[in-house]
Protein backbone atom coordinates (compact mmCIF):
# COMPACT_ATOMS: atom_id res chain seq x y z
CA UNK A 1 61.84 19.58 97.47
CA UNK A 2 63.62 16.81 99.41
CA UNK A 3 63.22 13.34 98.11
CA UNK A 4 61.33 11.43 100.57
CA UNK A 5 61.23 7.61 98.99
CA UNK A 6 59.14 4.95 100.45
CA UNK A 7 59.15 1.18 100.05
CA UNK A 8 56.91 -1.63 99.15
CA UNK A 9 57.91 -5.00 98.14
CA UNK A 10 57.51 -8.65 98.95
CA UNK A 11 58.13 -10.89 101.84
CA UNK A 12 61.18 -13.58 101.68
CA UNK A 13 58.57 -16.62 100.81
CA UNK A 14 58.07 -14.93 97.17
CA UNK A 15 61.57 -13.49 96.91
CA UNK A 16 63.18 -17.41 97.41
CA UNK A 17 63.01 -17.94 101.04
CA UNK A 18 64.36 -17.30 104.58
CA UNK A 19 67.84 -17.18 103.75
CA UNK A 20 71.03 -15.04 103.92
CA UNK A 21 71.65 -15.09 99.97
CA UNK A 22 68.07 -13.59 99.49
CA UNK A 23 68.73 -11.08 102.33
CA UNK A 24 72.21 -10.22 101.17
CA UNK A 25 70.69 -9.68 97.39
CA UNK A 26 67.57 -7.55 98.48
CA UNK A 27 70.47 -5.16 100.95
CA UNK A 28 73.00 -5.11 97.59
CA UNK A 29 69.79 -4.06 95.57
CA UNK A 30 68.23 -2.36 98.09
CA UNK A 31 72.00 -0.04 98.92
CA UNK A 32 72.36 0.45 95.14
CA UNK A 33 69.10 1.95 94.49
CA UNK A 34 69.46 4.47 96.90
CA UNK A 35 72.92 5.25 96.29
CA UNK A 36 71.53 6.18 92.44
CA UNK A 37 68.59 7.77 93.92
CA UNK A 38 69.96 9.78 96.44
CA UNK A 39 66.52 10.25 99.00
CA UNK A 40 66.80 13.06 101.70
CA UNK A 41 64.31 10.74 103.59
CA UNK A 42 63.44 6.29 103.61
CA UNK A 43 60.35 5.78 104.85
CA UNK A 44 59.34 1.27 105.23
CA UNK A 45 56.87 -0.57 106.83
CA UNK A 46 58.76 -2.61 109.03
CA UNK A 47 58.01 -5.65 107.31
CA UNK A 48 59.77 -8.61 106.71
CA UNK A 49 62.03 -9.13 102.75
CA UNK A 50 62.09 -5.67 101.05
CA UNK A 51 61.39 -3.37 103.63
CA UNK A 52 64.19 -4.92 106.11
CA UNK A 53 66.52 -4.23 103.50
CA UNK A 54 65.92 -0.96 102.38
CA UNK A 55 65.79 0.32 106.30
CA UNK A 56 69.11 -1.75 106.92
CA UNK A 57 70.52 0.30 103.68
CA UNK A 58 69.09 3.61 104.58
CA UNK A 59 71.02 2.92 108.39
CA UNK A 60 74.15 1.75 106.60
CA UNK A 61 74.30 4.81 104.28
CA UNK A 62 73.25 6.98 106.90
CA UNK A 63 70.07 7.98 105.00
CA UNK A 64 66.66 8.86 107.84
CA UNK A 65 64.86 6.38 108.03
CA UNK A 66 61.02 6.95 109.08
CA UNK A 67 59.50 3.26 109.67
CA UNK A 68 55.16 3.18 109.46
CA UNK A 69 54.43 0.03 111.82
CA UNK A 70 51.38 -1.53 111.39
CA UNK A 71 51.00 -2.18 115.19
CA UNK A 72 53.54 -2.27 118.49
CA UNK A 73 53.16 -6.01 118.67
CA UNK A 74 53.96 -6.52 114.65
CA UNK A 75 56.83 -8.72 114.80
CA UNK A 76 55.83 -11.26 117.91
CA UNK A 77 55.16 -13.97 115.48
CA UNK A 78 58.24 -14.02 114.00
CA UNK A 79 61.35 -15.76 114.17
CA UNK A 80 63.64 -14.49 116.99
CA UNK A 81 66.92 -13.96 115.09
CA UNK A 82 64.15 -11.89 112.39
CA UNK A 83 62.76 -9.88 115.53
CA UNK A 84 66.59 -9.08 116.69
CA UNK A 85 66.98 -7.46 112.72
CA UNK A 86 63.78 -5.83 113.38
CA UNK A 87 64.58 -4.37 117.09
CA UNK A 88 67.60 -3.35 115.69
CA UNK A 89 66.03 -1.03 112.97
CA UNK A 90 63.40 0.36 115.22
CA UNK A 91 66.58 1.77 117.78
CA UNK A 92 68.32 3.24 114.40
CA UNK A 93 64.71 4.78 113.25
CA UNK A 94 64.89 9.00 113.13
CA UNK A 95 61.09 8.35 113.78
CA UNK A 96 58.78 5.28 114.36
CA UNK A 97 55.04 5.98 113.66
CA UNK A 98 52.77 3.25 114.86
CA UNK A 99 49.09 2.61 113.19
CA UNK A 100 47.90 0.96 116.12
CA UNK A 101 48.21 -1.07 119.09
CA UNK A 102 47.18 -4.64 118.40
CA UNK A 103 47.89 -6.49 115.51
CA UNK A 104 44.52 -6.20 112.94
CA UNK A 105 44.99 -7.18 109.36
CA UNK A 106 43.61 -3.69 108.45
CA UNK A 107 46.43 -2.33 109.82
CA UNK A 108 48.54 -3.20 106.80
CA UNK A 109 46.86 -1.51 104.03
CA UNK A 110 46.42 1.78 106.80
CA UNK A 111 50.17 1.59 107.14
CA UNK A 112 50.33 1.55 102.86
CA UNK A 113 48.27 4.55 102.79
CA UNK A 114 50.89 6.46 105.66
CA UNK A 115 53.60 5.60 103.45
CA UNK A 116 52.45 6.64 100.25
CA UNK A 117 51.24 9.78 101.21
CA UNK A 118 54.09 10.88 103.24
CA UNK A 119 56.95 10.31 100.26
CA UNK A 120 57.46 11.69 96.55
CA UNK A 121 58.84 8.14 95.11
CA UNK A 122 57.90 4.84 95.87
CA UNK A 123 60.70 2.59 95.40
CA UNK A 124 58.83 -1.29 94.62
CA UNK A 125 59.86 -4.71 94.70
CA UNK A 126 57.23 -5.77 93.09
CA UNK A 127 56.36 -9.34 90.86
CA UNK A 128 53.17 -7.82 89.23
CA UNK A 129 50.82 -10.71 90.59
CA UNK A 130 47.64 -8.35 91.04
CA UNK A 131 46.83 -9.72 94.67
CA UNK A 132 48.78 -8.70 98.08
CA UNK A 133 49.58 -6.26 99.83
CA UNK A 134 52.46 -4.92 97.72
CA UNK A 135 50.06 -4.71 94.81
CA UNK A 136 47.48 -2.90 96.70
CA UNK A 137 50.40 -0.51 97.76
CA UNK A 138 51.49 0.19 94.47
CA UNK A 139 47.58 0.38 93.17
CA UNK A 140 47.12 3.11 95.60
CA UNK A 141 50.45 4.84 94.58
CA UNK A 142 49.06 5.11 90.97
CA UNK A 143 45.55 6.56 91.86
CA UNK A 144 47.57 8.90 93.95
CA UNK A 145 49.86 10.29 90.73
CA UNK A 146 53.47 9.03 92.39
CA UNK A 147 56.08 8.37 91.30
CA UNK A 148 56.93 4.34 91.21
CA UNK A 149 60.10 2.65 90.09
CA UNK A 150 59.91 -1.51 90.06
CA UNK A 151 63.45 -2.75 90.85
CA UNK A 152 61.88 -6.35 90.21
CA UNK A 153 63.68 -6.60 87.30
CA UNK A 154 66.99 -5.77 88.62
CA UNK A 155 66.40 -8.55 91.49
CA UNK A 156 65.64 -11.56 88.77
CA UNK A 157 69.19 -10.37 87.37
CA UNK A 158 70.49 -9.98 91.10
CA UNK A 159 69.47 -13.85 91.52
CA UNK A 160 70.35 -15.14 88.00
CA UNK A 161 73.73 -14.04 87.92
CA UNK A 162 74.52 -15.86 91.61
CA UNK A 163 72.19 -18.69 90.25
CA UNK A 164 74.97 -18.90 87.23
CA UNK A 165 77.93 -18.31 90.01
CA UNK A 166 76.59 -21.26 91.86
CA UNK A 167 76.34 -23.71 88.86
CA UNK A 168 79.99 -22.90 87.87
CA UNK A 169 80.99 -23.04 91.47
CA UNK A 170 79.80 -26.86 91.99
CA UNK A 171 80.78 -27.74 88.50
CA UNK A 172 84.49 -26.45 89.54
CA UNK A 173 84.05 -28.62 92.56
CA UNK A 174 82.85 -31.53 91.41
CA UNK A 175 85.48 -31.33 87.92
CA UNK A 176 87.95 -31.27 90.91
CA UNK A 177 86.39 -34.15 92.99
CA UNK A 178 86.74 -36.26 90.15
CA UNK A 179 90.29 -35.30 88.71
CA UNK A 180 91.61 -35.32 92.00
């Protein structure tokens, strides 16, 4: 049986913000997890945050990528830089499945169901708060008996390591400036 992995997770605003550090941390985590799980296919919903990182990691690791996108105009309200990354991912995907033409909130739930129904394992970046799309996706996967791997603690661990390194770096700079 081929191992089809879908991903669900929080958006950047719930992960530390829209910045390069958070993006890099997500990509490192996604690359590490995909390298160890070795799926034959990665499925994401095209959202900013964890979905984007999983897609970028799959592309970098040459794992076929299937996108389940809520609608054709999904990224139209995003910042230009995010739209550019999104379109690069779209052009690298093996398959793109659109669930509608125009945005409607119900399509986000329909996208999550489509991803879970198409996978063997759900790789979640889920903080455990019982609200929102990531929560709903995880709950649906639980109701269908899918295996779920939650990497939230791994993400927190990476965040803590980077925070400590940043503090040490700042202390080192402040000591140099005070002694110099």
